[in-house]
Protein backbone atom coordinates (compact mmCIF):
# COMPACT_ATOMS: atom_id res chain seq x y z
CA MET A 1 -145.83 116.44 36.28
CA ASN A 2 -144.21 113.47 38.68
CA ASP A 3 -142.96 113.94 42.07
CA LYS A 4 -139.40 115.55 42.09
CA THR A 5 -136.48 115.01 45.30
CA ARG A 6 -134.98 117.33 43.61
CA THR A 7 -134.42 120.76 41.45
CA ALA A 8 -132.34 119.84 37.69
CA GLU A 9 -129.26 121.66 37.46
CA PRO A 10 -128.13 121.83 34.27
CA SER A 11 -124.72 119.91 34.82
CA SER A 12 -121.32 122.17 34.02
CA CYS A 13 -119.84 121.64 31.45
CA ASN A 14 -117.41 123.96 30.59
CA CYS A 15 -115.52 121.86 27.99
CA ALA A 16 -112.28 123.56 28.41
CA CYS A 17 -110.55 120.01 27.80
CA ALA A 18 -112.74 119.87 25.02
CA SER A 19 -110.64 121.55 22.32
CA GLU A 20 -107.18 121.27 22.00
CA ASP A 21 -106.24 123.13 25.10
CA ILE A 22 -106.56 121.12 28.34
CA PRO A 23 -105.87 123.50 31.21
CA ASP A 24 -103.11 121.63 32.09
CA GLY A 25 -102.34 124.10 35.36
CA ARG A 26 -105.77 123.38 36.79
CA ILE A 27 -105.47 119.47 36.12
CA ASP A 28 -101.97 119.78 37.35
CA GLU A 29 -103.07 121.09 40.55
CA ILE A 30 -105.88 118.49 40.59
CA ILE A 31 -102.79 115.48 40.02
CA ALA A 32 -100.76 116.92 42.48
CA GLU A 33 -103.79 117.38 45.17
CA TYR A 34 -103.92 113.91 45.18
CA ARG A 35 -101.09 111.92 44.04
CA PHE A 36 -99.62 110.77 47.08
CA LYS A 37 -103.49 110.35 49.28
CA GLU A 38 -104.43 106.65 49.77
CA GLY A 39 -106.92 106.26 46.75
CA GLY A 40 -106.09 109.41 45.21
CA LEU A 41 -106.94 108.86 41.72
CA ILE A 42 -110.31 108.44 41.23
CA PRO A 43 -111.32 111.76 43.24
CA ALA A 44 -108.56 112.94 41.00
CA LEU A 45 -110.62 111.48 38.22
CA GLN A 46 -113.56 113.04 39.44
CA MET A 47 -112.27 116.63 39.66
CA ALA A 48 -109.78 116.62 36.47
CA GLN A 49 -113.93 115.48 34.96
CA ALA A 50 -116.14 118.19 36.64
CA VAL A 51 -113.07 120.37 34.94
CA CYS A 52 -113.11 118.74 31.52
CA GLY A 53 -116.31 117.35 31.66
CA TYR A 54 -115.25 114.60 30.34
CA LEU A 55 -112.14 112.46 30.09
CA PRO A 56 -110.11 113.23 27.43
CA GLU A 57 -107.08 111.00 25.92
CA PRO A 58 -104.58 113.62 26.80
CA VAL A 59 -105.65 114.37 30.74
CA ILE A 60 -106.39 110.66 31.40
CA ARG A 61 -102.80 110.44 29.56
CA LYS A 62 -101.34 113.36 32.56
CA ILE A 63 -103.40 111.47 35.08
CA ALA A 64 -101.29 108.65 34.63
CA ASP A 65 -98.03 109.67 34.47
CA GLY A 66 -98.54 112.39 37.73
CA PHE A 67 -99.95 108.78 39.72
CA GLY A 68 -96.73 107.20 37.76
CA LYS A 69 -99.38 104.57 37.02
CA THR A 70 -99.30 103.37 33.09
CA VAL A 71 -102.64 104.16 30.73
CA SER A 72 -103.97 101.10 30.29
CA GLU A 73 -104.40 101.32 34.55
CA VAL A 74 -106.10 104.41 35.01
CA THR A 75 -108.56 104.15 31.22
CA GLY A 76 -108.81 100.56 33.77
CA VAL A 77 -110.89 102.62 35.93
CA VAL A 78 -112.61 104.94 33.78
CA SER A 79 -114.25 102.93 32.23
CA PHE A 80 -115.20 100.78 34.73
CA TYR A 81 -116.87 103.48 37.25
CA SER A 82 -120.11 104.49 34.98
CA PHE A 83 -119.34 108.20 36.77
CA PHE A 84 -116.78 108.66 33.87
CA THR A 85 -117.24 109.00 30.85
CA LEU A 86 -114.80 109.46 28.12
CA HIS A 87 -116.81 111.60 25.82
CA PRO A 88 -118.82 114.18 26.14
CA ARG A 89 -122.20 114.75 27.75
CA GLY A 90 -125.00 117.13 27.69
CA LYS A 91 -126.30 119.60 29.42
CA TYR A 92 -129.39 116.92 30.82
CA LEU A 93 -128.04 113.59 31.05
CA VAL A 94 -130.52 111.23 31.20
CA ARG A 95 -130.45 107.96 33.66
CA VAL A 96 -133.61 105.80 33.30
CA CYS A 97 -133.68 103.35 36.20
CA LEU A 98 -133.61 99.55 35.00
CA GLY A 99 -132.98 98.15 38.24
CA THR A 100 -135.66 95.29 39.16
CA ALA A 101 -138.55 97.09 40.66
CA CYS A 102 -138.11 99.91 37.35
CA TYR A 103 -137.61 97.40 34.75
CA VAL A 104 -140.62 95.35 36.15
CA ARG A 105 -143.11 98.47 36.72
CA GLY A 106 -142.36 99.88 33.03
CA GLY A 107 -138.52 100.71 32.67
CA LYS A 108 -137.47 99.13 30.09
CA GLU A 109 -140.64 101.10 28.07
CA VAL A 110 -139.84 104.29 29.63
CA LEU A 111 -135.79 104.08 27.66
CA GLU A 112 -136.88 103.12 25.55
CA ALA A 113 -139.45 106.53 24.55
CA PHE A 114 -136.86 108.69 25.24
CA ARG A 115 -134.24 106.87 23.23
CA LYS A 116 -137.13 107.72 20.48
CA LYS A 117 -138.22 112.14 21.84
CA LEU A 118 -134.45 112.23 21.47
CA ALA A 119 -132.78 110.62 18.76
CA ILE A 120 -130.14 109.05 20.29
CA GLU A 121 -129.22 105.09 21.64
CA VAL A 122 -128.29 104.81 25.18
CA GLY A 123 -124.67 106.35 25.88
CA GLY A 124 -125.44 109.00 23.26
CA THR A 125 -125.78 112.71 23.53
CA THR A 126 -128.51 114.79 20.97
CA SER A 127 -126.14 116.52 18.80
CA ASP A 128 -126.98 120.38 20.46
CA ARG A 129 -125.10 118.99 23.15
CA MET A 130 -128.43 119.55 25.13
CA PHE A 131 -128.98 115.55 26.62
CA SER A 132 -127.70 112.88 26.73
CA LEU A 133 -129.06 109.24 27.65
CA GLU A 134 -127.77 105.69 29.74
CA VAL A 135 -128.63 103.76 32.15
CA GLY A 136 -128.84 102.99 35.33
CA ARG A 137 -129.72 100.24 38.10
CA CYS A 138 -130.79 101.59 40.90
CA PHE A 139 -131.49 105.16 42.21
CA GLY A 140 -132.73 103.83 45.47
CA ALA A 141 -136.72 104.87 44.40
CA CYS A 142 -137.95 101.21 44.02
CA GLY A 143 -141.05 101.28 46.30
CA MET A 144 -141.54 104.71 43.62
CA ALA A 145 -140.68 103.25 40.40
CA PRO A 146 -139.79 103.57 36.98
CA VAL A 147 -137.60 106.01 37.68
CA VAL A 148 -135.68 108.29 35.83
CA MET A 149 -132.89 110.80 36.93
CA VAL A 150 -132.14 114.11 35.61
CA ASN A 151 -128.86 115.34 36.69
CA ASP A 152 -129.37 115.96 40.41
CA THR A 153 -133.71 115.16 40.00
CA VAL A 154 -135.10 113.22 40.51
CA TYR A 155 -139.04 112.30 38.64
CA GLN A 156 -140.68 109.23 40.01
CA ARG A 157 -143.35 106.94 38.39
CA VAL A 158 -142.47 108.00 35.13
CA LYS A 159 -144.97 106.66 32.01
CA PRO A 160 -143.56 106.53 28.77
CA THR A 161 -146.52 108.78 27.59
CA ARG A 162 -144.87 111.27 30.01
CA VAL A 163 -141.81 111.63 28.44
CA GLY A 164 -142.36 114.56 25.65
CA ASP A 165 -143.71 116.27 28.53
CA LEU A 166 -140.76 115.54 30.33
CA ILE A 167 -137.78 116.58 27.47
CA ASN A 168 -140.38 120.21 26.77
CA GLU A 169 -139.99 120.37 30.24
CA ILE A 170 -136.69 120.89 30.55
CA THR A 171 -136.28 122.48 27.44
CA ALA A 172 -138.35 125.46 28.15
CA LEU A 173 -137.03 125.63 31.84
CA ASP A 174 -133.87 125.31 29.96
CA ALA A 175 -134.63 128.32 27.69
CA ALA A 176 -135.61 130.59 30.24
CA GLU A 177 -132.68 129.73 32.67
CA THR A 178 -130.95 131.39 29.62
CA ALA A 179 -132.87 134.21 28.84
CA LYS A 180 -132.90 135.73 32.06
CA GLU A 181 -129.41 134.89 32.19
CA LEU A 182 -128.27 137.02 29.42
CA ALA A 183 -130.90 139.78 30.06
């Protein structure tokens, strides 16, 4: 298919925070570890998101309290950085670069092909929580534009006509990994 620089690995969302039982003990440990460190809020949010798969409102409140900040301040940080999300993401995060080189070389058309194939809008997640679709601004591979990242895998020179094959490839690999785990 396309040149890849890393292998696609599913994001590890155990979605423990999606339910009413927020893993308070783990969030408390994260707060205790980072609360007094210079610039500790962002790493604490990153760790909390790694535990939960996203940053639900109760976790943001708990972190705000733990850091002596307002919920508004913490939410401002979360909404400023594109790494953070307030909603559960799919197992596979598809980010289409729309930086200048990628945009000029067809990134917008690639994004539209993903949007149609996955039947979701940018920022959305498929109903089976398999895929989420986002826009990136530069992945540092401008010479290989247009570029798409799926989790940690970089796909170079992606054409809109190949988007269906890419989704099918990821889905097939996921099914094979799931079957192997169940065996």
